[in-house]
């Protein structure tokens, strides 16, 4: 039986920069006549847009699933499905086989993001989820610059698009609210460490973040929305003594502040766990 004991937490922080306008949809409940029917999600207290941690984690997980070859057509339902649960439910295949390689990929996915099944055998195989993704809020500098440009209390723009009927050529205008390009959100990701080997999960996390930079976050990505870039990356280690004895956190030196720089020097990162 595997014995789990928390060793500490890595705290990855930085900024998510909007290269193009970002649309992460919010509720349309109670929209008044003349109101916008494609709003972005906003903090109800500040009325500022933010990036939900659930959406960011879901996108990173999806990109990781595709990159690890864990997506296949579902045998019973139409569409695609992730097979991390299916792979982890049975006994571990023999070492050195293609089946074992796939099993290990599914295991890494389940450990990083959490298994997408409540079956006991799946939960035991993957163990506790290591990654926590916080909501990312608009940086103070971006909030100030947006209000200077748009007006007090305004943080978004409205982009009007046209859907054309291919037969009649009739236009169907659709206004979409989005966060303007150039805005930045402060993000925080937390990786729990139970074993020294958990540090290797950062390789998959950084890969997913790099894939996201060449994909899209939020809605309408195929129409130009949602191109983002991660910047100003920093990493700190907080051991159990940080929580029990108020010990100082340890800054982990990354080989750069961009994902490309970190990926290039990944093997030289001086891990602290």
Protein backbone atom coordinates (compact mmCIF):
# COMPACT_ATOMS: atom_id res chain seq x y z
CA UNK A 1 0.00 0.00 0.00
CA UNK A 2 1.43 3.39 -1.04
CA UNK A 3 1.99 5.77 1.86
CA UNK A 4 1.33 9.42 0.98
CA UNK A 5 2.79 12.29 3.00
CA UNK A 6 2.82 15.87 1.82
CA UNK A 7 6.39 17.17 1.52
CA UNK A 8 5.60 20.71 0.44
CA UNK A 9 4.20 22.89 -2.34
CA UNK A 10 5.63 24.55 -5.42
CA UNK A 11 4.02 27.91 -6.20
CA UNK A 12 4.26 28.93 -9.86
CA UNK A 13 3.24 32.50 -10.56
CA UNK A 14 3.36 34.94 -13.45
CA UNK A 15 1.10 36.71 -15.90
CA UNK A 16 -1.21 35.62 -18.69
CA UNK A 17 -1.00 38.26 -21.40
CA UNK A 18 -3.78 38.68 -23.95
CA UNK A 19 -2.16 38.75 -27.40
CA UNK A 20 -5.63 39.05 -28.92
CA UNK A 21 -8.96 39.87 -27.32
CA UNK A 22 -10.12 37.27 -24.77
CA UNK A 23 -13.71 36.05 -24.41
CA UNK A 24 -14.55 33.72 -21.54
CA UNK A 25 -18.33 33.70 -21.38
CA UNK A 26 -20.33 34.78 -18.36
CA UNK A 27 -24.00 34.48 -17.50
CA UNK A 28 -26.67 36.14 -19.62
CA UNK A 29 -29.34 35.85 -16.93
CA UNK A 30 -31.38 39.02 -16.61
CA UNK A 31 -30.06 40.73 -19.74
CA UNK A 32 -32.05 43.88 -20.34
CA UNK A 33 -33.41 45.03 -23.71
CA UNK A 34 -30.48 46.36 -25.68
CA UNK A 35 -28.02 44.59 -23.40
CA UNK A 36 -25.13 42.45 -24.56
CA UNK A 37 -25.99 38.76 -24.91
CA UNK A 38 -22.36 37.54 -25.14
CA UNK A 39 -20.76 38.99 -21.99
CA UNK A 40 -17.49 37.88 -20.41
CA UNK A 41 -17.37 36.51 -16.88
CA UNK A 42 -16.71 39.20 -14.28
CA UNK A 43 -15.99 39.48 -10.58
CA UNK A 44 -19.33 40.65 -9.09
CA UNK A 45 -17.57 42.91 -6.55
CA UNK A 46 -15.16 44.76 -8.84
CA UNK A 47 -16.96 44.19 -12.18
CA UNK A 48 -13.54 43.30 -13.62
CA UNK A 49 -13.11 40.32 -15.96
CA UNK A 50 -11.13 37.33 -14.71
CA UNK A 51 -10.02 33.89 -15.90
CA UNK A 52 -11.70 31.09 -13.89
CA UNK A 53 -9.27 28.51 -12.58
CA UNK A 54 -11.66 25.77 -13.68
CA UNK A 55 -11.53 26.91 -17.31
CA UNK A 56 -7.76 27.30 -17.33
CA UNK A 57 -7.19 23.90 -15.72
CA UNK A 58 -9.65 22.25 -18.07
CA UNK A 59 -7.90 23.67 -21.12
CA UNK A 60 -4.48 22.60 -19.85
CA UNK A 61 -5.80 19.11 -19.12
CA UNK A 62 -7.37 18.79 -22.57
CA UNK A 63 -4.14 19.84 -24.29
CA UNK A 64 -2.19 17.36 -22.14
CA UNK A 65 -4.59 14.55 -23.05
CA UNK A 66 -4.17 15.23 -26.75
CA UNK A 67 -0.38 15.55 -26.47
CA UNK A 68 -0.08 12.23 -24.61
CA UNK A 69 -2.28 10.37 -27.09
CA UNK A 70 -5.00 9.70 -24.51
CA UNK A 71 -7.95 10.79 -26.69
CA UNK A 72 -9.87 8.29 -28.77
CA UNK A 73 -13.31 7.85 -30.26
CA UNK A 74 -15.69 6.53 -27.63
CA UNK A 75 -16.90 2.98 -28.34
CA UNK A 76 -20.46 3.68 -27.19
CA UNK A 77 -21.06 7.39 -27.67
CA UNK A 78 -20.41 9.80 -30.51
CA UNK A 79 -17.41 12.07 -30.23
CA UNK A 80 -14.09 11.86 -28.42
CA UNK A 81 -13.26 10.77 -24.89
CA UNK A 82 -10.21 10.78 -22.66
CA UNK A 83 -9.08 7.32 -21.64
CA UNK A 84 -7.09 8.03 -18.49
CA UNK A 85 -9.77 6.31 -16.39
CA UNK A 86 -9.99 3.29 -18.66
CA UNK A 87 -6.23 2.82 -18.68
CA UNK A 88 -5.86 3.10 -14.90
CA UNK A 89 -8.76 0.82 -14.01
CA UNK A 90 -6.96 -2.43 -14.81
CA UNK A 91 -3.67 -3.90 -13.56
CA UNK A 92 -0.43 -2.25 -14.71
CA UNK A 93 0.74 -3.79 -18.00
CA UNK A 94 4.14 -5.45 -18.26
CA UNK A 95 7.09 -3.07 -18.26
CA UNK A 96 8.59 -2.20 -21.64
CA UNK A 97 5.39 -2.74 -23.59
CA UNK A 98 3.43 -0.10 -25.54
CA UNK A 99 0.53 -0.74 -23.17
CA UNK A 100 2.70 0.10 -20.17
CA UNK A 101 3.90 3.31 -21.84
CA UNK A 102 0.30 4.37 -22.38
CA UNK A 103 -0.51 3.40 -18.79
CA UNK A 104 2.33 5.60 -17.49
CA UNK A 105 1.10 8.54 -19.58
CA UNK A 106 -2.38 8.11 -18.16
CA UNK A 107 -0.92 7.86 -14.67
CA UNK A 108 0.96 11.16 -15.09
CA UNK A 109 -2.23 12.81 -16.33
CA UNK A 110 -4.25 11.52 -13.36
CA UNK A 111 -1.60 12.58 -10.86
CA UNK A 112 -1.29 16.08 -12.28
CA UNK A 113 -4.94 16.99 -12.89
CA UNK A 114 -6.79 14.33 -10.92
CA UNK A 115 -8.49 11.21 -12.33
CA UNK A 116 -11.80 11.86 -14.06
CA UNK A 117 -13.45 8.92 -12.34
CA UNK A 118 -14.59 8.06 -8.83
CA UNK A 119 -13.86 4.35 -9.25
CA UNK A 120 -11.73 3.18 -6.30
CA UNK A 121 -9.17 1.42 -8.49
CA UNK A 122 -8.64 4.60 -10.54
CA UNK A 123 -8.29 6.80 -7.45
CA UNK A 124 -5.79 4.39 -5.90
CA UNK A 125 -3.69 4.20 -9.07
CA UNK A 126 -3.41 7.97 -9.57
CA UNK A 127 -3.46 9.12 -5.95
CA UNK A 128 -4.33 12.70 -4.97
CA UNK A 129 -4.42 15.43 -7.59
CA UNK A 130 -1.21 17.47 -7.48
CA UNK A 131 -2.25 20.62 -9.37
CA UNK A 132 -4.38 23.47 -8.06
CA UNK A 133 -5.24 26.31 -10.46
CA UNK A 134 -6.35 29.61 -8.93
CA UNK A 135 -8.63 32.15 -10.57
CA UNK A 136 -6.50 34.69 -12.47
CA UNK A 137 -7.45 38.31 -11.87
CA UNK A 138 -6.75 41.40 -13.92
CA UNK A 139 -3.42 42.95 -12.95
CA UNK A 140 -3.53 46.34 -11.26
CA UNK A 141 -1.56 47.91 -14.11
CA UNK A 142 -3.94 46.52 -16.74
CA UNK A 143 -6.99 47.70 -14.79
CA UNK A 144 -5.54 51.21 -14.63
CA UNK A 145 -4.59 51.32 -18.32
CA UNK A 146 -7.97 49.99 -19.44
CA UNK A 147 -9.84 52.62 -17.45
CA UNK A 148 -7.55 55.34 -18.79
CA UNK A 149 -8.35 54.23 -22.34
CA UNK A 150 -12.00 53.23 -22.02
CA UNK A 151 -13.32 55.26 -19.11
CA UNK A 152 -13.88 54.83 -15.39
CA UNK A 153 -15.29 51.41 -14.50
CA UNK A 154 -14.80 50.00 -18.02
CA UNK A 155 -12.52 47.01 -18.62
CA UNK A 156 -13.80 45.39 -21.82
CA UNK A 157 -14.51 46.11 -25.48
CA UNK A 158 -17.33 44.93 -27.74
CA UNK A 159 -16.36 43.33 -31.04
CA UNK A 160 -19.08 42.92 -33.63
CA UNK A 161 -18.87 39.91 -35.92
CA UNK A 162 -21.08 38.86 -38.83
CA UNK A 163 -22.29 35.34 -39.52
CA UNK A 164 -23.21 35.14 -43.21
CA UNK A 165 -25.85 32.80 -44.60
CA UNK A 166 -23.97 30.98 -47.37
CA UNK A 167 -27.12 30.78 -49.54
CA UNK A 168 -28.80 34.16 -49.09
CA UNK A 169 -25.72 36.15 -47.96
CA UNK A 170 -27.86 37.60 -45.19
CA UNK A 171 -25.78 38.99 -42.36
CA UNK A 172 -26.41 38.06 -38.75
CA UNK A 173 -24.43 40.51 -36.58
CA UNK A 174 -23.29 39.22 -33.19
CA UNK A 175 -21.64 41.54 -30.69
CA UNK A 176 -19.12 39.79 -28.43
CA UNK A 177 -17.65 41.30 -25.29
CA UNK A 178 -13.97 40.61 -24.74
CA UNK A 179 -10.94 41.72 -22.76
CA UNK A 180 -8.78 43.89 -25.06
CA UNK A 181 -5.44 42.73 -26.40
CA UNK A 182 -2.53 43.87 -24.24
CA UNK A 183 -4.30 43.17 -20.95
CA UNK A 184 -2.66 40.89 -18.39
CA UNK A 185 -3.94 38.61 -15.62
CA UNK A 186 -1.94 37.51 -12.57
CA UNK A 187 -1.99 33.72 -12.23
CA UNK A 188 -0.97 31.24 -9.52
CA UNK A 189 -0.58 27.48 -9.90
CA UNK A 190 0.16 25.19 -6.94
CA UNK A 191 1.80 21.77 -7.29
CA UNK A 192 1.61 19.53 -4.22
CA UNK A 193 4.60 17.23 -3.77
CA UNK A 194 4.26 13.82 -2.10
CA UNK A 195 7.28 12.17 -3.73
CA UNK A 196 10.46 13.53 -5.30
CA UNK A 197 9.24 12.16 -8.63
CA UNK A 198 6.29 14.58 -8.57
CA UNK A 199 8.64 17.36 -9.72
CA UNK A 200 8.76 15.68 -13.14
CA UNK A 201 5.08 16.57 -13.57
CA UNK A 202 6.21 20.13 -14.26
CA UNK A 203 7.49 18.90 -17.63
CA UNK A 204 3.93 18.03 -18.69
CA UNK A 205 2.55 21.22 -17.14
CA UNK A 206 5.03 23.47 -18.96
CA UNK A 207 4.35 21.59 -22.19
CA UNK A 208 0.60 22.16 -21.82
CA UNK A 209 1.18 25.87 -21.14
CA UNK A 210 3.32 26.12 -24.29
CA UNK A 211 0.62 24.34 -26.29
CA UNK A 212 -1.93 26.80 -24.95
CA UNK A 213 0.14 29.69 -26.28
CA UNK A 214 -0.36 28.21 -29.75
CA UNK A 215 -3.99 27.30 -29.17
CA UNK A 216 -6.69 29.53 -27.69
CA UNK A 217 -8.20 30.19 -24.28
CA UNK A 218 -11.93 30.83 -24.00
CA UNK A 219 -14.47 31.01 -26.80
CA UNK A 220 -14.20 31.77 -30.52
CA UNK A 221 -10.55 30.78 -30.68
CA UNK A 222 -10.82 29.77 -34.34
CA UNK A 223 -11.93 33.32 -35.15
CA UNK A 224 -8.96 35.09 -33.58
CA UNK A 225 -10.00 35.35 -29.93
CA UNK A 226 -8.06 33.99 -26.99
CA UNK A 227 -4.40 33.97 -28.04
CA UNK A 228 -2.42 34.27 -24.81
CA UNK A 229 1.20 34.31 -23.67
CA UNK A 230 2.68 33.38 -20.28
CA UNK A 231 5.32 35.77 -18.96
CA UNK A 232 7.20 36.90 -15.84
CA UNK A 233 7.33 33.33 -14.55
CA UNK A 234 8.56 32.69 -11.04
CA UNK A 235 8.66 29.59 -8.83
CA UNK A 236 8.99 29.21 -5.06
CA UNK A 237 9.12 26.16 -2.79
CA UNK A 238 7.28 26.02 0.51
CA UNK A 239 8.20 23.05 2.66
CA UNK A 240 6.13 21.80 5.59
CA UNK A 241 8.29 23.96 7.87
CA UNK A 242 6.92 27.00 6.05
CA UNK A 243 3.47 26.09 7.36
CA UNK A 244 4.46 24.55 10.71
CA UNK A 245 7.31 26.79 11.83
CA UNK A 246 6.90 29.89 9.66
CA UNK A 247 10.15 29.10 7.85
CA UNK A 248 11.09 31.15 4.81
CA UNK A 249 10.05 30.02 1.36
CA UNK A 250 12.79 29.12 -1.11
CA UNK A 251 13.00 30.79 -4.53
CA UNK A 252 13.69 28.25 -7.29
CA UNK A 253 15.82 29.76 -10.04
CA UNK A 254 14.21 29.21 -13.43
CA UNK A 255 16.31 29.43 -16.62
CA UNK A 256 14.31 32.43 -17.84
CA UNK A 257 10.95 34.15 -17.45
CA UNK A 258 9.26 32.74 -20.57
CA UNK A 259 8.05 29.21 -21.24
CA UNK A 260 10.47 28.72 -24.12
CA UNK A 261 13.42 29.59 -21.87
CA UNK A 262 12.16 27.36 -19.07
CA UNK A 263 11.58 24.43 -21.43
CA UNK A 264 15.05 24.79 -22.95
CA UNK A 265 16.71 24.65 -19.53
CA UNK A 266 14.29 22.34 -17.77
CA UNK A 267 16.86 19.65 -16.90
CA UNK A 268 19.02 22.23 -15.09
CA UNK A 269 16.30 23.54 -12.74
CA UNK A 270 17.53 23.21 -9.12
CA UNK A 271 14.47 21.57 -7.57
CA UNK A 272 14.07 22.00 -3.83
CA UNK A 273 11.89 19.12 -2.63
